[in-house]
Amino acid sequence: LIGRLMFELPEEMGLIAVAVRQTQGKGRGGNVWLSPVGCALSTLHISIPLHSNLGQRIPFIQHLVSLAVVEAVRSIPGYEDIELRVKWPNDIYYSDLMKLGGVLVNSTLVETTFHILIGFGFNVNNSNPTICINDLIAKFNKEEGTELKPLSADCLIARTVTVLERLIEIFQEKGPNGVLPQYYKYWIHSGKQVRLRGEEGPLAWIVGIDDYGYLQVHEEGKGVESVHPDGNSFDMLRNLIVPK
C-alpha cells in the first residue's frame, strides 16, 4: 500500500500504515515475522536527502529506529529503568536475553532523495512466544514495589515515531556523534567478545559503531576493524561476525 502511495505524495508529507495484526509479516532474509494482536506493527515512509548527514549514512536508520522504540518506553517518567535494550543491527531486546522486536528498512533512491520504508514490530502485550513490554513492566512493579501502568501498542507507535523524528533531526545536524552516546547507553554489546570469520576464528572485542553504522571490533595485535553480521543477522548464540 505505502509502496504505491509514497511517490504520489509531497515530499514533506509523512505516511504510516498501522496494523492490528499481520498475516504475511516479513523479516530479514525472507524470514517470516509473527504478528499477532497485541504487537505494535507499522510501516513508516520518510524521505531523506541524499546529500545530508543521514543520506550519506543510510544504514544508520535501522539503528535510529531501534533506539526510538527503546526510548519510546524509557523516556516516560517512571519507566526509565525498564530493561529494554537495542541489539545491533536492528533488534529490540529484553536485557541481552530475549528478542521482543525488530526493524526492517528498505530504501529507494530517486534522483537525489532516498525514499525509506521502515517496518517495525515489537511485542507489547503477548507473554508468548517469548516476552513482552508489559511483562517487563509487571516484573519491574513486583521487584520495585511500583505501580506503573501497562502501555498500549498505539501509544508506543506514536511515541516511537515522535522520538525517531527528533533523532533524525539531531543526526542531520550533528552526525553520528549526536546520537551514539544515547545508543550506547541502551545497547547490549559493550565489552562483549565475538569470533571473526567462523566458530574457530580469532576472538575480538566489540568497541562500538563506525561512521557508517558498521560494528567496530578490536582483535588483539591487529587494531580496530569494521565488520558486518554473519549471514542474515548478528548471531547472538554463536557470536559470529565477518570483516566488511
Protein backbone atom coordinates (compact mmCIF):
# COMPACT_ATOMS: atom_id res chain seq x y z
CA LEU A 1 0.00 0.00 0.00
CA ILE A 2 2.65 2.52 1.04
CA GLY A 3 4.95 1.41 -1.77
CA ARG A 4 2.32 2.59 -4.24
CA LEU A 5 1.42 5.79 -2.42
CA MET A 6 4.81 7.11 -1.39
CA PHE A 7 5.76 8.54 -4.79
CA GLU A 8 2.40 10.30 -5.18
CA LEU A 9 2.63 12.48 -2.08
CA PRO A 10 4.52 15.75 -1.48
CA GLU A 11 7.99 15.09 -0.03
CA GLU A 12 7.19 16.95 3.18
CA MET A 13 4.18 14.73 3.91
CA GLY A 14 4.71 11.73 6.16
CA LEU A 15 2.92 8.42 5.70
CA ILE A 16 2.42 5.50 8.07
CA ALA A 17 0.41 2.26 7.94
CA VAL A 18 -0.52 0.65 11.26
CA ALA A 19 -1.68 -2.96 11.51
CA VAL A 20 -3.54 -4.59 14.40
CA ARG A 21 -2.16 -7.92 13.18
CA GLN A 22 -0.33 -9.18 10.11
CA THR A 23 -0.84 -12.43 8.25
CA GLN A 24 2.17 -12.09 5.94
CA GLY A 25 4.74 -10.28 8.04
CA LYS A 26 8.30 -10.35 6.68
CA GLY A 27 11.65 -10.32 8.45
CA ARG A 28 15.20 -10.06 7.11
CA GLY A 29 16.45 -12.61 4.61
CA GLY A 30 12.98 -13.88 3.79
CA ASN A 31 12.17 -14.83 7.37
CA VAL A 32 8.52 -14.89 8.44
CA TRP A 33 7.58 -12.36 11.13
CA LEU A 34 4.90 -13.45 13.62
CA SER A 35 2.43 -10.60 14.12
CA PRO A 36 -0.48 -11.44 16.44
CA VAL A 37 -2.85 -8.96 18.08
CA GLY A 38 -1.04 -7.26 20.96
CA CYS A 39 2.04 -6.22 18.96
CA ALA A 40 2.90 -2.73 17.76
CA LEU A 41 3.14 -3.12 13.97
CA SER A 42 3.67 -0.40 11.42
CA THR A 43 5.42 0.71 8.25
CA LEU A 44 6.61 4.30 8.08
CA HIS A 45 7.65 6.23 4.96
CA ILE A 46 10.23 9.01 5.27
CA SER A 47 12.25 10.97 2.72
CA ILE A 48 15.94 11.67 3.29
CA PRO A 49 18.02 13.93 1.00
CA LEU A 50 20.99 12.06 -0.47
CA HIS A 51 23.33 14.98 0.27
CA SER A 52 22.69 15.09 4.01
CA ASN A 53 24.38 13.55 7.03
CA LEU A 54 21.88 10.69 7.16
CA GLY A 55 21.63 10.39 3.38
CA GLN A 56 25.34 9.60 3.31
CA ARG A 57 24.93 7.03 6.11
CA ILE A 58 21.63 5.30 5.33
CA PRO A 59 22.47 2.11 7.34
CA PHE A 60 22.13 4.23 10.48
CA ILE A 61 18.36 4.44 10.01
CA GLN A 62 17.81 0.95 11.43
CA HIS A 63 19.86 1.93 14.50
CA LEU A 64 17.85 5.12 14.98
CA VAL A 65 14.55 3.22 14.76
CA SER A 66 15.69 0.56 17.26
CA LEU A 67 16.79 3.33 19.61
CA ALA A 68 13.49 5.16 19.11
CA VAL A 69 11.50 2.07 20.19
CA VAL A 70 13.55 1.75 23.38
CA GLU A 71 13.37 5.48 24.07
CA ALA A 72 9.60 5.44 23.47
CA VAL A 73 9.31 3.41 26.69
CA ARG A 74 12.34 4.52 28.70
CA SER A 75 11.76 8.26 28.21
CA ILE A 76 8.41 8.05 30.05
CA PRO A 77 8.80 9.32 33.65
CA GLY A 78 8.98 6.30 35.94
CA TYR A 79 9.78 3.85 33.11
CA GLU A 80 13.46 4.79 32.74
CA ASP A 81 14.71 1.51 34.27
CA ILE A 82 12.53 -0.90 32.29
CA GLU A 83 15.18 -3.27 30.90
CA LEU A 84 14.54 -2.70 27.21
CA ARG A 85 17.67 -2.54 25.01
CA VAL A 86 18.94 -2.47 21.43
CA LYS A 87 20.89 -5.22 19.67
CA TRP A 88 22.96 -4.31 16.62
CA PRO A 89 21.97 -4.06 13.87
CA ASN A 90 18.17 -3.99 14.15
CA ASP A 91 16.61 -5.75 17.15
CA ILE A 92 14.93 -4.76 20.40
CA TYR A 93 15.73 -6.97 23.37
CA TYR A 94 14.83 -7.62 27.00
CA SER A 95 18.27 -7.16 28.59
CA ASP A 96 20.53 -9.44 26.50
CA LEU A 97 18.21 -12.40 26.99
CA MET A 98 15.19 -12.30 24.66
CA LYS A 99 14.14 -10.59 21.47
CA LEU A 100 10.82 -8.77 21.53
CA GLY A 101 11.02 -6.63 18.40
CA GLY A 102 12.79 -5.86 15.17
CA VAL A 103 13.23 -3.35 12.36
CA LEU A 104 13.34 -3.86 8.59
CA VAL A 105 14.39 -0.93 6.36
CA ASN A 106 14.05 -0.73 2.56
CA SER A 107 15.36 2.25 0.61
CA THR A 108 14.82 3.50 -2.95
CA LEU A 109 16.93 6.33 -4.37
CA VAL A 110 15.03 8.60 -6.77
CA GLU A 111 17.26 11.34 -8.18
CA THR A 112 18.65 12.95 -5.00
CA THR A 113 16.10 11.67 -2.49
CA PHE A 114 16.02 8.41 -0.55
CA HIS A 115 12.51 7.06 -0.06
CA ILE A 116 12.75 4.92 3.06
CA LEU A 117 10.19 2.32 4.14
CA ILE A 118 10.68 1.41 7.79
CA GLY A 119 8.87 -1.65 9.05
CA PHE A 120 8.98 -2.13 12.80
CA GLY A 121 7.20 -4.54 15.09
CA PHE A 122 7.55 -5.17 18.81
CA ASN A 123 5.63 -7.24 21.32
CA VAL A 124 3.67 -5.05 23.70
CA ASN A 125 1.12 -7.38 25.26
CA ASN A 126 1.81 -11.08 24.49
CA SER A 127 3.60 -13.22 27.05
CA ASN A 128 4.23 -15.83 24.33
CA PRO A 129 6.27 -16.91 22.47
CA THR A 130 8.97 -15.02 24.43
CA ILE A 131 8.20 -11.92 26.50
CA CYS A 132 6.56 -8.53 26.01
CA ILE A 133 6.97 -4.96 27.19
CA ASN A 134 4.05 -5.16 29.61
CA ASP A 135 5.61 -8.29 31.16
CA LEU A 136 8.75 -6.24 31.81
CA ILE A 137 6.66 -3.51 33.42
CA ALA A 138 4.83 -6.04 35.63
CA LYS A 139 8.17 -7.60 36.61
CA PHE A 140 9.56 -4.17 37.48
CA ASN A 141 6.48 -3.33 39.58
CA LYS A 142 6.83 -6.58 41.52
CA GLU A 143 10.53 -6.10 42.19
CA GLU A 144 10.47 -2.37 42.95
CA GLY A 145 7.03 -2.01 44.58
CA THR A 146 5.92 0.48 41.94
CA GLU A 147 2.54 0.75 40.20
CA LEU A 148 3.49 1.58 36.61
CA LYS A 149 0.58 1.11 34.23
CA PRO A 150 0.72 -1.20 31.18
CA LEU A 151 1.34 0.55 27.86
CA SER A 152 -0.68 0.24 24.65
CA ALA A 153 0.60 -0.52 21.16
CA ASP A 154 -0.99 2.69 19.80
CA CYS A 155 0.75 4.83 22.40
CA LEU A 156 4.13 3.25 21.72
CA ILE A 157 3.86 3.54 17.93
CA ALA A 158 3.06 7.24 18.32
CA ARG A 159 5.92 7.77 20.76
CA THR A 160 8.36 5.81 18.57
CA VAL A 161 7.61 7.96 15.52
CA THR A 162 7.91 11.15 17.59
CA VAL A 163 11.25 10.08 19.09
CA LEU A 164 12.51 8.96 15.66
CA GLU A 165 11.73 12.38 14.20
CA ARG A 166 13.82 14.02 16.92
CA LEU A 167 16.70 11.54 16.46
CA ILE A 168 16.75 12.18 12.69
CA GLU A 169 16.88 15.93 13.29
CA ILE A 170 19.80 15.51 15.71
CA PHE A 171 21.62 13.20 13.29
CA GLN A 172 21.16 15.60 10.38
CA GLU A 173 22.58 18.42 12.49
CA LYS A 174 25.41 16.65 14.34
CA GLY A 175 26.03 13.34 12.53
CA PRO A 176 26.62 10.01 14.31
CA ASN A 177 28.16 11.62 17.40
CA GLY A 178 24.86 13.33 18.11
CA VAL A 179 23.05 10.03 18.75
CA LEU A 180 25.70 7.41 19.56
CA PRO A 181 26.05 8.25 23.29
CA GLN A 182 22.34 7.51 23.76
CA TYR A 183 22.56 4.41 21.56
CA TYR A 184 25.47 3.04 23.59
CA LYS A 185 23.56 3.71 26.79
CA TYR A 186 20.96 1.15 25.72
CA TRP A 187 22.85 -1.36 23.59
CA ILE A 188 23.76 -4.83 24.86
CA HIS A 189 27.23 -5.27 23.34
CA SER A 190 29.66 -3.20 25.43
CA GLY A 191 32.79 -5.21 26.20
CA LYS A 192 31.37 -8.40 24.65
CA GLN A 193 33.57 -10.88 22.77
CA VAL A 194 32.83 -12.23 19.31
CA ARG A 195 34.54 -14.63 16.91
CA LEU A 196 35.56 -13.43 13.47
CA ARG A 197 35.00 -15.37 10.25
CA GLY A 198 33.77 -18.60 11.85
CA GLU A 199 33.30 -20.65 15.01
CA GLU A 200 37.02 -21.34 15.27
CA GLY A 201 38.02 -17.81 14.25
CA PRO A 202 40.00 -15.35 16.34
CA LEU A 203 38.42 -13.61 19.31
CA ALA A 204 37.74 -9.86 19.17
CA TRP A 205 36.15 -7.33 21.49
CA ILE A 206 33.28 -5.09 20.41
CA VAL A 207 34.32 -1.44 20.51
CA GLY A 208 31.41 0.49 19.01
CA ILE A 209 29.91 1.59 15.69
CA ASP A 210 31.79 3.34 12.90
CA ASP A 211 30.66 6.40 10.93
CA TYR A 212 28.55 4.25 8.58
CA GLY A 213 26.78 2.08 11.15
CA TYR A 214 29.02 -0.99 10.91
CA LEU A 215 30.25 -2.69 14.06
CA GLN A 216 33.82 -1.98 15.17
CA VAL A 217 35.83 -4.71 16.87
CA HIS A 218 39.34 -4.91 18.28
CA GLU A 219 41.34 -8.02 17.52
CA GLU A 220 44.47 -8.33 19.64
CA GLY A 221 47.55 -7.31 17.71
CA LYS A 222 45.53 -6.08 14.71
CA GLY A 223 43.81 -2.93 15.93
CA VAL A 224 40.21 -1.91 15.25
CA GLU A 225 38.32 -3.00 12.14
CA SER A 226 34.74 -2.70 10.89
CA VAL A 227 32.63 -5.83 10.42
CA HIS A 228 29.15 -6.81 9.27
CA PRO A 229 26.77 -9.55 10.50
CA ASP A 230 27.39 -13.15 9.56
CA GLY A 231 24.54 -14.03 7.21
CA ASN A 232 21.17 -12.55 7.98
CA SER A 233 21.70 -11.22 11.49
CA PHE A 234 24.36 -10.89 14.16
CA ASP A 235 24.13 -14.35 15.72
CA MET A 236 23.84 -13.86 19.49
CA LEU A 237 24.18 -17.56 20.15
CA ARG A 238 27.29 -18.17 18.03
CA ASN A 239 28.64 -14.61 18.27
CA LEU A 240 29.95 -14.65 14.72
CA ILE A 241 30.79 -11.62 12.62
CA VAL A 242 32.86 -11.26 9.46
CA PRO A 243 35.13 -8.48 8.20
CA LYS A 244 33.49 -5.90 5.94
